Each structure stands twice: as C-alpha cells, then as structure tokens.
Amino acid sequence: MRLRKAGIVKHVTSRFVVVSANPEALPKVGSQIFTKRMEKIGVVYDIIGPVKSPFLLIKPGKGAKLNLSSEKLFVKGDDNGRSRKGKGSRKERGRKRNRKKGN
C-alpha cells in the first residue's frame, strides 16, 4: 500500500485533529488518515482555511490515539475518499419552477 503525505498535526481538540495540508495534494473528504506506523487515526471530515494554506479537520475513529504533536499524517495513495451521489438538476427530476404569470 502506498501512502501520500496528508500534512502535519497542528492542534488536537476534543472532537477533531487539525492538520496543515499541502494545497497541491489535498485528500478528498472521507479519505482515511494514518500515521507513519500505519495506525488509522480517522477520516477527513472537512477542509477549511485559505486556499494557499488549507487545514484538514480529521474526525478521529474510536480508540485512535490522540497524543499527536507535530506528527506527520498520511493518506492512502489509491484512496479517493467518499463518493457522493448527485441528485441531478431540477429539470432532470421533473420539478417545475413556480412562476407568477403576468397579466
């Protein structure tokens, strides 16, 4: 299994791990995050911050160690994150817009 660098831990809260990420190699939301020892930390919950220096919010899994300080985290190289199913546009769903008819 090949790993790509996700970023470096900046802060740990009670609900999330904040990681500074490389803007050119952002993982997708839902991607699994690991330490260099292949211990699963959690999944990418959200990407926040400015475009030039984004941050990842990692939602830790149950039993994940949270004593991470300035540790490098990784994402699987072949992991594409959670797939989203689109619902399509309104026209494709058959809905009509309500418009007032003029006199």
N, C-alpha and C. Protein backbone atom coordinates (compact mmCIF):
# COMPACT_ATOMS: atom_id res chain seq x y z
N MET A 1 0.85 -1.18 0.00
CA MET A 1 0.00 0.00 0.00
C MET A 1 0.90 1.24 0.00
N ARG A 2 0.58 2.16 -0.85
CA ARG A 2 1.36 3.39 -0.99
C ARG A 2 0.71 4.51 -0.20
N LEU A 3 1.51 5.30 0.50
CA LEU A 3 0.99 6.42 1.29
C LEU A 3 1.42 7.74 0.69
N ARG A 4 0.52 8.72 0.77
CA ARG A 4 0.84 10.09 0.39
C ARG A 4 0.76 10.94 1.64
N LYS A 5 1.60 11.95 1.73
CA LYS A 5 1.60 12.83 2.90
C LYS A 5 0.33 13.68 2.90
N ALA A 6 -0.39 13.65 4.02
CA ALA A 6 -1.60 14.47 4.16
C ALA A 6 -1.26 15.81 4.81
N GLY A 7 -0.31 15.82 5.75
CA GLY A 7 0.07 17.06 6.41
C GLY A 7 0.65 16.81 7.79
N ILE A 8 0.80 17.91 8.55
CA ILE A 8 1.39 17.86 9.88
C ILE A 8 0.35 18.33 10.89
N VAL A 9 0.26 17.61 12.01
CA VAL A 9 -0.71 17.95 13.06
C VAL A 9 -0.35 19.29 13.67
N LYS A 10 -1.34 20.18 13.75
CA LYS A 10 -1.15 21.49 14.36
C LYS A 10 -1.83 21.61 15.71
N HIS A 11 -3.00 20.97 15.85
CA HIS A 11 -3.75 21.10 17.10
C HIS A 11 -4.70 19.91 17.24
N VAL A 12 -4.92 19.50 18.48
CA VAL A 12 -5.86 18.42 18.77
C VAL A 12 -6.93 18.95 19.69
N THR A 13 -8.20 18.82 19.28
CA THR A 13 -9.33 19.22 20.12
C THR A 13 -10.04 17.97 20.60
N SER A 14 -11.13 18.17 21.32
CA SER A 14 -11.88 17.01 21.82
C SER A 14 -12.60 16.28 20.70
N ARG A 15 -12.90 16.97 19.60
CA ARG A 15 -13.65 16.35 18.51
C ARG A 15 -12.85 16.16 17.23
N PHE A 16 -11.82 16.97 17.01
CA PHE A 16 -11.10 16.93 15.74
C PHE A 16 -9.59 17.06 15.94
N VAL A 17 -8.86 16.63 14.92
CA VAL A 17 -7.43 16.86 14.82
C VAL A 17 -7.25 17.83 13.65
N VAL A 18 -6.58 18.97 13.90
CA VAL A 18 -6.36 19.98 12.86
C VAL A 18 -4.98 19.74 12.25
N VAL A 19 -4.95 19.61 10.93
CA VAL A 19 -3.73 19.28 10.21
C VAL A 19 -3.49 20.32 9.13
N SER A 20 -2.27 20.89 9.08
CA SER A 20 -1.94 21.80 7.97
C SER A 20 -1.61 20.93 6.76
N ALA A 21 -2.20 21.27 5.62
CA ALA A 21 -2.08 20.43 4.43
C ALA A 21 -1.38 21.15 3.30
N ASN A 22 -0.87 20.38 2.36
CA ASN A 22 -0.26 20.91 1.15
C ASN A 22 -1.39 21.21 0.15
N PRO A 23 -1.52 22.45 -0.34
CA PRO A 23 -2.63 22.78 -1.24
C PRO A 23 -2.59 22.05 -2.58
N GLU A 24 -1.42 21.56 -3.00
CA GLU A 24 -1.34 20.86 -4.28
C GLU A 24 -1.73 19.39 -4.17
N ALA A 25 -1.78 18.84 -2.97
CA ALA A 25 -2.08 17.41 -2.81
C ALA A 25 -3.11 17.20 -1.70
N LEU A 26 -4.27 17.80 -1.85
CA LEU A 26 -5.31 17.66 -0.83
C LEU A 26 -6.03 16.33 -0.97
N PRO A 27 -6.21 15.61 0.15
CA PRO A 27 -7.04 14.40 0.08
C PRO A 27 -8.51 14.78 0.01
N LYS A 28 -9.33 13.88 -0.46
CA LYS A 28 -10.76 14.14 -0.55
C LYS A 28 -11.42 13.94 0.81
N VAL A 29 -12.57 14.58 0.98
CA VAL A 29 -13.35 14.39 2.20
C VAL A 29 -13.78 12.93 2.26
N GLY A 30 -13.56 12.31 3.41
CA GLY A 30 -13.90 10.90 3.59
C GLY A 30 -12.71 9.97 3.46
N SER A 31 -11.53 10.50 3.10
CA SER A 31 -10.33 9.67 2.98
C SER A 31 -9.83 9.27 4.35
N GLN A 32 -9.31 8.05 4.45
CA GLN A 32 -8.77 7.57 5.72
C GLN A 32 -7.37 8.12 5.94
N ILE A 33 -7.08 8.49 7.20
CA ILE A 33 -5.79 9.09 7.57
C ILE A 33 -5.04 8.14 8.50
N PHE A 34 -3.72 7.99 8.24
CA PHE A 34 -2.88 7.07 9.00
C PHE A 34 -1.63 7.78 9.51
N THR A 35 -0.99 7.17 10.54
CA THR A 35 0.33 7.62 10.98
C THR A 35 1.36 6.89 10.11
N LYS A 36 2.64 7.22 10.32
CA LYS A 36 3.68 6.54 9.54
C LYS A 36 3.81 5.07 9.93
N ARG A 37 3.28 4.68 11.09
CA ARG A 37 3.28 3.28 11.52
C ARG A 37 2.01 2.55 11.10
N MET A 38 1.24 3.14 10.17
CA MET A 38 0.02 2.57 9.61
C MET A 38 -1.09 2.38 10.65
N GLU A 39 -1.09 3.22 11.69
CA GLU A 39 -2.19 3.22 12.65
C GLU A 39 -3.25 4.18 12.13
N LYS A 40 -4.48 3.69 12.02
CA LYS A 40 -5.55 4.54 11.49
C LYS A 40 -5.94 5.57 12.55
N ILE A 41 -5.95 6.85 12.14
CA ILE A 41 -6.32 7.94 13.03
C ILE A 41 -7.80 8.26 12.87
N GLY A 42 -8.26 8.39 11.64
CA GLY A 42 -9.65 8.73 11.39
C GLY A 42 -9.87 9.04 9.92
N VAL A 43 -10.87 9.89 9.66
CA VAL A 43 -11.19 10.26 8.28
C VAL A 43 -11.21 11.78 8.14
N VAL A 44 -10.98 12.25 6.92
CA VAL A 44 -11.04 13.69 6.63
C VAL A 44 -12.51 14.11 6.72
N TYR A 45 -12.80 15.01 7.65
CA TYR A 45 -14.17 15.48 7.87
C TYR A 45 -14.47 16.72 7.04
N ASP A 46 -13.48 17.63 6.95
CA ASP A 46 -13.68 18.88 6.21
C ASP A 46 -12.33 19.48 5.87
N ILE A 47 -12.34 20.39 4.90
CA ILE A 47 -11.15 21.16 4.52
C ILE A 47 -11.51 22.62 4.73
N ILE A 48 -10.72 23.32 5.56
CA ILE A 48 -11.04 24.71 5.91
C ILE A 48 -9.83 25.59 5.67
N GLY A 49 -10.04 26.90 5.79
CA GLY A 49 -8.95 27.86 5.71
C GLY A 49 -8.75 28.41 4.32
N PRO A 50 -7.69 29.23 4.17
CA PRO A 50 -7.42 29.85 2.87
C PRO A 50 -6.93 28.82 1.85
N VAL A 51 -7.09 29.15 0.59
CA VAL A 51 -6.72 28.25 -0.49
C VAL A 51 -5.22 27.99 -0.50
N LYS A 52 -4.42 29.00 -0.17
CA LYS A 52 -2.96 28.86 -0.21
C LYS A 52 -2.41 28.03 0.94
N SER A 53 -3.11 27.98 2.07
CA SER A 53 -2.64 27.17 3.21
C SER A 53 -3.84 26.53 3.91
N PRO A 54 -4.40 25.48 3.31
CA PRO A 54 -5.60 24.86 3.87
C PRO A 54 -5.29 23.99 5.09
N PHE A 55 -6.34 23.72 5.85
CA PHE A 55 -6.26 22.83 7.00
C PHE A 55 -7.28 21.71 6.82
N LEU A 56 -6.91 20.53 7.29
CA LEU A 56 -7.82 19.39 7.27
C LEU A 56 -8.38 19.20 8.67
N LEU A 57 -9.67 18.94 8.77
CA LEU A 57 -10.26 18.53 10.03
C LEU A 57 -10.42 17.02 9.95
N ILE A 58 -9.73 16.33 10.85
CA ILE A 58 -9.77 14.87 10.89
C ILE A 58 -10.66 14.46 12.05
N LYS A 59 -11.67 13.65 11.76
CA LYS A 59 -12.54 13.12 12.81
C LYS A 59 -11.94 11.79 13.25
N PRO A 60 -11.46 11.73 14.51
CA PRO A 60 -10.80 10.51 14.96
C PRO A 60 -11.77 9.34 15.07
N GLY A 61 -11.26 8.15 14.79
CA GLY A 61 -12.05 6.94 14.96
C GLY A 61 -12.03 6.52 16.42
N LYS A 62 -12.87 5.57 16.76
CA LYS A 62 -12.91 5.07 18.14
C LYS A 62 -11.62 4.34 18.46
N GLY A 63 -11.04 4.66 19.59
CA GLY A 63 -9.81 4.02 20.01
C GLY A 63 -8.55 4.60 19.38
N ALA A 64 -8.67 5.67 18.62
CA ALA A 64 -7.49 6.27 17.98
C ALA A 64 -6.70 7.05 19.01
N LYS A 65 -5.39 6.98 18.90
CA LYS A 65 -4.56 7.74 19.84
C LYS A 65 -4.58 9.21 19.45
N LEU A 66 -4.71 10.06 20.43
CA LEU A 66 -4.80 11.49 20.15
C LEU A 66 -3.64 12.28 20.74
N ASN A 67 -2.57 11.61 21.13
CA ASN A 67 -1.39 12.33 21.62
C ASN A 67 -0.44 12.59 20.45
N LEU A 68 -0.96 13.24 19.45
CA LEU A 68 -0.20 13.56 18.24
C LEU A 68 0.25 15.01 18.34
N SER A 69 1.53 15.25 18.35
CA SER A 69 2.01 16.63 18.36
C SER A 69 3.07 16.77 17.28
N SER A 70 2.78 17.58 16.30
CA SER A 70 3.67 17.82 15.15
C SER A 70 4.02 16.52 14.42
N GLU A 71 3.12 15.56 14.43
CA GLU A 71 3.36 14.30 13.75
C GLU A 71 2.86 14.37 12.31
N LYS A 72 3.58 13.74 11.41
CA LYS A 72 3.17 13.70 10.01
C LYS A 72 2.08 12.63 9.85
N LEU A 73 1.04 12.99 9.11
CA LEU A 73 -0.04 12.05 8.84
C LEU A 73 -0.10 11.77 7.35
N PHE A 74 -0.65 10.62 7.00
CA PHE A 74 -0.65 10.16 5.62
C PHE A 74 -2.03 9.67 5.21
N VAL A 75 -2.26 9.66 3.89
CA VAL A 75 -3.49 9.14 3.30
C VAL A 75 -3.07 8.07 2.30
N LYS A 76 -3.91 7.05 2.14
CA LYS A 76 -3.60 6.01 1.16
C LYS A 76 -3.51 6.63 -0.23
N GLY A 77 -2.54 6.20 -1.02
CA GLY A 77 -2.35 6.75 -2.36
C GLY A 77 -3.48 6.44 -3.31
N ASP A 78 -4.16 5.30 -3.10
CA ASP A 78 -5.25 4.93 -4.00
C ASP A 78 -6.62 5.26 -3.42
N ASP A 79 -6.66 5.95 -2.28
CA ASP A 79 -7.93 6.27 -1.63
C ASP A 79 -8.52 7.53 -2.26
N ASN A 80 -9.70 7.41 -2.82
CA ASN A 80 -10.35 8.55 -3.46
C ASN A 80 -11.40 9.20 -2.59
N GLY A 81 -11.51 8.81 -1.36
CA GLY A 81 -12.49 9.43 -0.47
C GLY A 81 -13.89 8.90 -0.69
N ARG A 82 -14.81 9.50 0.00
CA ARG A 82 -16.21 9.09 -0.07
C ARG A 82 -16.80 9.56 -1.38
N SER A 83 -17.52 8.70 -2.05
CA SER A 83 -18.16 9.12 -3.30
C SER A 83 -19.51 9.74 -2.97
N ARG A 84 -19.85 10.77 -3.69
CA ARG A 84 -21.12 11.45 -3.47
C ARG A 84 -22.02 11.17 -4.65
N LYS A 85 -23.26 10.89 -4.34
CA LYS A 85 -24.23 10.65 -5.40
C LYS A 85 -25.03 11.92 -5.59
N GLY A 86 -24.94 12.49 -6.76
CA GLY A 86 -25.69 13.70 -7.06
C GLY A 86 -27.15 13.38 -7.34
N LYS A 87 -27.98 14.35 -7.09
CA LYS A 87 -29.41 14.16 -7.33
C LYS A 87 -29.83 14.69 -8.68
N GLY A 88 -28.94 15.35 -9.38
CA GLY A 88 -29.28 15.91 -10.68
C GLY A 88 -29.92 17.28 -10.54
N SER A 89 -30.19 17.89 -11.66
CA SER A 89 -30.80 19.21 -11.64
C SER A 89 -32.30 19.09 -11.47
N ARG A 90 -32.94 20.21 -11.26
CA ARG A 90 -34.40 20.22 -11.09
C ARG A 90 -35.11 19.68 -12.32
N LYS A 91 -34.62 20.07 -13.47
CA LYS A 91 -35.25 19.64 -14.72
C LYS A 91 -35.18 18.12 -14.87
N GLU A 92 -34.05 17.55 -14.48
CA GLU A 92 -33.90 16.10 -14.58
C GLU A 92 -34.81 15.37 -13.61
N ARG A 93 -35.13 15.99 -12.49
CA ARG A 93 -36.00 15.35 -11.51
C ARG A 93 -37.47 15.56 -11.84
N GLY A 94 -37.76 16.40 -12.82
CA GLY A 94 -39.13 16.60 -13.23
C GLY A 94 -39.87 17.69 -12.47
N ARG A 95 -39.17 18.48 -11.68
CA ARG A 95 -39.83 19.56 -10.96
C ARG A 95 -39.98 20.78 -11.85
N LYS A 96 -41.00 21.52 -11.59
CA LYS A 96 -41.20 22.77 -12.32
C LYS A 96 -41.06 23.93 -11.35
N ARG A 97 -40.52 25.02 -11.85
CA ARG A 97 -40.40 26.21 -11.01
C ARG A 97 -41.73 26.91 -10.95
N ASN A 98 -42.03 27.43 -9.79
CA ASN A 98 -43.25 28.21 -9.63
C ASN A 98 -42.97 29.63 -10.09
N ARG A 99 -43.71 30.07 -11.07
CA ARG A 99 -43.56 31.44 -11.57
C ARG A 99 -44.92 32.10 -11.58
N LYS A 100 -44.90 33.36 -11.26
CA LYS A 100 -46.15 34.12 -11.35
C LYS A 100 -46.36 34.52 -12.80
N LYS A 101 -47.57 34.32 -13.26
CA LYS A 101 -47.87 34.70 -14.63
C LYS A 101 -48.34 36.14 -14.65
N GLY A 102 -47.77 36.90 -15.54
CA GLY A 102 -48.16 38.31 -15.67
C GLY A 102 -49.47 38.46 -16.41
N ASN A 103 -50.14 39.58 -16.19
CA ASN A 103 -51.41 39.83 -16.88
C ASN A 103 -51.19 40.43 -18.22
